[in-house]
Amino acid sequence: MKRMRWATAVVLVFAGLVTAVPSARAVDLSCRMTFQMGGWSLFYKTASGSGTVTCNNGQSMHVKLRAKGGGLTFGKTRIDHGIGRFTGVSDIHDILGHYANAEAHAGAEKSVDAQVVTKGSISLALSGKGQGWNLGVAFGAFIIER
């Protein structure tokens, strides 16, 4: 009987240690992206650009950016000093892929843009300043590639 209690106690302590150690996947990194991007829309929206993602664990990656979609939209814009902040990232490679995008936009000459795109549990808040003119509502994809 004493051996049974002792074995149970050892198993419970071991189980507590295993669950107390966070898995590498559970760690959220703080990642930030600087980017530039330009494009046009006339019912169909397309844009492309590039950027650099850096994380607080020292990882860094140069990326290509694309946006595509459609809606009631028209215009031409360019973002020169864009910033993106990721949440839900455990490794820098998690940022790659297709994000869902929905936006309403309006601007003339100098413009400011802000939007949030999502991919599963990962979100990316984008903001930037640039030039151009645009008006409309669009839905589509924001794509980050190597």
Protein backbone atom coordinates (compact mmCIF):
# COMPACT_ATOMS: atom_id res chain seq x y z
CA MET A 1 0.00 0.00 0.00
CA LYS A 2 2.89 2.34 0.84
CA ARG A 3 4.46 1.57 -2.51
CA MET A 4 1.20 2.42 -4.30
CA ARG A 5 1.00 5.83 -2.58
CA TRP A 6 4.68 6.48 -3.29
CA ALA A 7 4.26 5.57 -6.99
CA THR A 8 1.15 7.72 -7.25
CA ALA A 9 2.98 10.66 -5.65
CA VAL A 10 5.92 10.28 -8.07
CA VAL A 11 3.56 10.13 -11.08
CA LEU A 12 1.67 13.23 -9.89
CA VAL A 13 4.89 15.20 -9.32
CA PHE A 14 6.20 14.18 -12.76
CA ALA A 15 2.90 15.11 -14.39
CA GLY A 16 3.01 18.50 -12.67
CA LEU A 17 6.53 19.14 -13.93
CA VAL A 18 5.64 18.17 -17.49
CA THR A 19 2.59 20.45 -17.60
CA ALA A 20 4.47 23.30 -15.89
CA VAL A 21 7.13 23.42 -18.63
CA PRO A 22 5.75 25.47 -21.53
CA SER A 23 6.07 23.89 -24.95
CA ALA A 24 8.06 25.78 -27.57
CA ARG A 25 4.86 26.09 -29.62
CA ALA A 26 3.05 27.91 -26.79
CA VAL A 27 5.53 30.81 -26.67
CA ASP A 28 4.28 33.95 -28.40
CA LEU A 29 6.96 35.98 -30.13
CA SER A 30 6.78 39.69 -30.62
CA CYS A 31 7.32 40.18 -34.38
CA ARG A 32 7.25 43.41 -36.35
CA MET A 33 7.33 44.07 -40.08
CA THR A 34 8.44 47.18 -41.94
CA PHE A 35 7.28 47.31 -45.56
CA GLN A 36 6.52 49.25 -48.72
CA MET A 37 3.75 48.37 -51.13
CA GLY A 38 1.94 49.77 -54.13
CA GLY A 39 -0.98 48.84 -56.34
CA TRP A 40 -4.22 49.71 -58.07
CA SER A 41 -7.88 48.71 -58.09
CA LEU A 42 -10.76 48.86 -60.53
CA PHE A 43 -13.24 46.35 -59.08
CA TYR A 44 -10.25 43.96 -58.95
CA LYS A 45 -7.57 44.98 -56.45
CA THR A 46 -3.89 44.08 -56.70
CA ALA A 47 -0.78 45.29 -54.91
CA SER A 48 2.76 44.07 -54.33
CA GLY A 49 5.76 45.03 -52.27
CA SER A 50 8.45 43.84 -49.92
CA GLY A 51 9.38 44.05 -46.28
CA THR A 52 11.47 42.76 -43.41
CA VAL A 53 10.10 40.87 -40.41
CA THR A 54 12.09 40.91 -37.16
CA CYS A 55 11.20 39.09 -33.94
CA ASN A 56 12.30 39.66 -30.36
CA ASN A 57 14.17 36.31 -30.34
CA GLY A 58 16.62 37.60 -32.99
CA GLN A 59 15.01 35.93 -36.02
CA SER A 60 14.71 38.07 -39.16
CA MET A 61 13.35 37.42 -42.66
CA HIS A 62 13.00 39.44 -45.88
CA VAL A 63 9.55 38.87 -47.41
CA LYS A 64 7.57 39.53 -50.58
CA LEU A 65 4.05 40.88 -50.14
CA ARG A 66 1.00 40.59 -52.38
CA ALA A 67 -2.59 41.65 -51.97
CA LYS A 68 -5.40 40.63 -54.27
CA GLY A 69 -9.16 40.71 -54.17
CA GLY A 70 -12.17 42.57 -55.40
CA GLY A 71 -15.22 44.59 -54.53
CA LEU A 72 -16.60 48.05 -55.17
CA THR A 73 -13.21 49.69 -55.31
CA PHE A 74 -11.06 51.90 -57.52
CA GLY A 75 -7.83 53.84 -57.17
CA LYS A 76 -4.05 53.75 -57.11
CA THR A 77 -1.94 53.89 -53.94
CA ARG A 78 1.57 53.49 -52.62
CA ILE A 79 2.59 52.91 -48.99
CA ASP A 80 6.18 53.94 -48.28
CA HIS A 81 6.57 53.54 -44.52
CA GLY A 82 4.35 50.65 -43.48
CA ILE A 83 4.48 48.88 -40.14
CA GLY A 84 2.93 45.54 -39.23
CA ARG A 85 2.62 43.87 -35.82
CA PHE A 86 2.00 40.13 -35.53
CA THR A 87 0.24 38.28 -32.71
CA GLY A 88 -0.04 34.53 -32.17
CA VAL A 89 3.41 33.74 -33.64
CA SER A 90 5.66 31.06 -32.09
CA ASP A 91 8.24 30.91 -34.92
CA ILE A 92 9.08 33.44 -37.63
CA HIS A 93 8.05 30.93 -40.32
CA ASP A 94 4.47 31.06 -38.94
CA ILE A 95 4.06 34.46 -40.60
CA LEU A 96 4.24 33.04 -44.14
CA GLY A 97 1.02 32.31 -46.03
CA HIS A 98 -2.39 33.69 -47.02
CA TYR A 99 -4.28 36.02 -44.69
CA ALA A 100 -7.98 36.91 -45.02
CA ASN A 101 -8.52 40.59 -45.76
CA ALA A 102 -11.56 42.90 -45.67
CA GLU A 103 -11.20 46.64 -45.88
CA ALA A 104 -12.89 49.95 -46.53
CA HIS A 105 -10.63 52.67 -47.86
CA ALA A 106 -10.73 56.30 -48.99
CA GLY A 107 -7.92 58.72 -49.70
CA ALA A 108 -6.76 61.52 -51.94
CA GLU A 109 -3.13 62.56 -52.50
CA LYS A 110 -1.59 61.78 -49.10
CA SER A 111 -3.28 58.85 -47.47
CA VAL A 112 -3.14 56.71 -44.36
CA ASP A 113 -4.15 53.06 -44.25
CA ALA A 114 -4.81 50.70 -41.33
CA GLN A 115 -6.22 47.18 -41.35
CA VAL A 116 -6.03 43.82 -39.60
CA VAL A 117 -5.61 40.56 -41.54
CA THR A 118 -5.84 37.05 -40.06
CA LYS A 119 -4.59 33.54 -40.75
CA GLY A 120 -5.94 31.05 -38.21
CA SER A 121 -4.73 32.17 -34.78
CA ILE A 122 -2.21 34.63 -36.25
CA SER A 123 -3.20 38.26 -36.76
CA LEU A 124 -1.32 41.06 -38.45
CA ALA A 125 -2.19 44.70 -37.78
CA LEU A 126 -1.01 46.87 -40.69
CA SER A 127 -0.66 50.64 -40.81
CA GLY A 128 1.14 52.96 -43.16
CA LYS A 129 1.43 56.35 -44.80
CA GLY A 130 1.68 56.95 -48.50
CA GLN A 131 0.33 58.62 -51.58
CA GLY A 132 -2.44 58.01 -54.05
CA TRP A 133 -6.19 58.09 -54.33
CA ASN A 134 -8.70 55.37 -53.62
CA LEU A 135 -12.29 54.72 -52.64
CA GLY A 136 -14.20 51.54 -51.97
CA VAL A 137 -14.73 48.30 -50.12
CA ALA A 138 -12.69 45.20 -50.97
CA PHE A 139 -12.32 41.59 -49.83
CA GLY A 140 -9.46 39.26 -50.63
CA ALA A 141 -6.11 37.90 -49.53
CA PHE A 142 -2.91 39.39 -48.16
CA ILE A 143 -0.02 37.04 -48.97
CA ILE A 144 3.42 36.89 -47.33
CA GLU A 145 6.11 34.83 -49.09
CA ARG A 146 9.88 34.38 -48.81
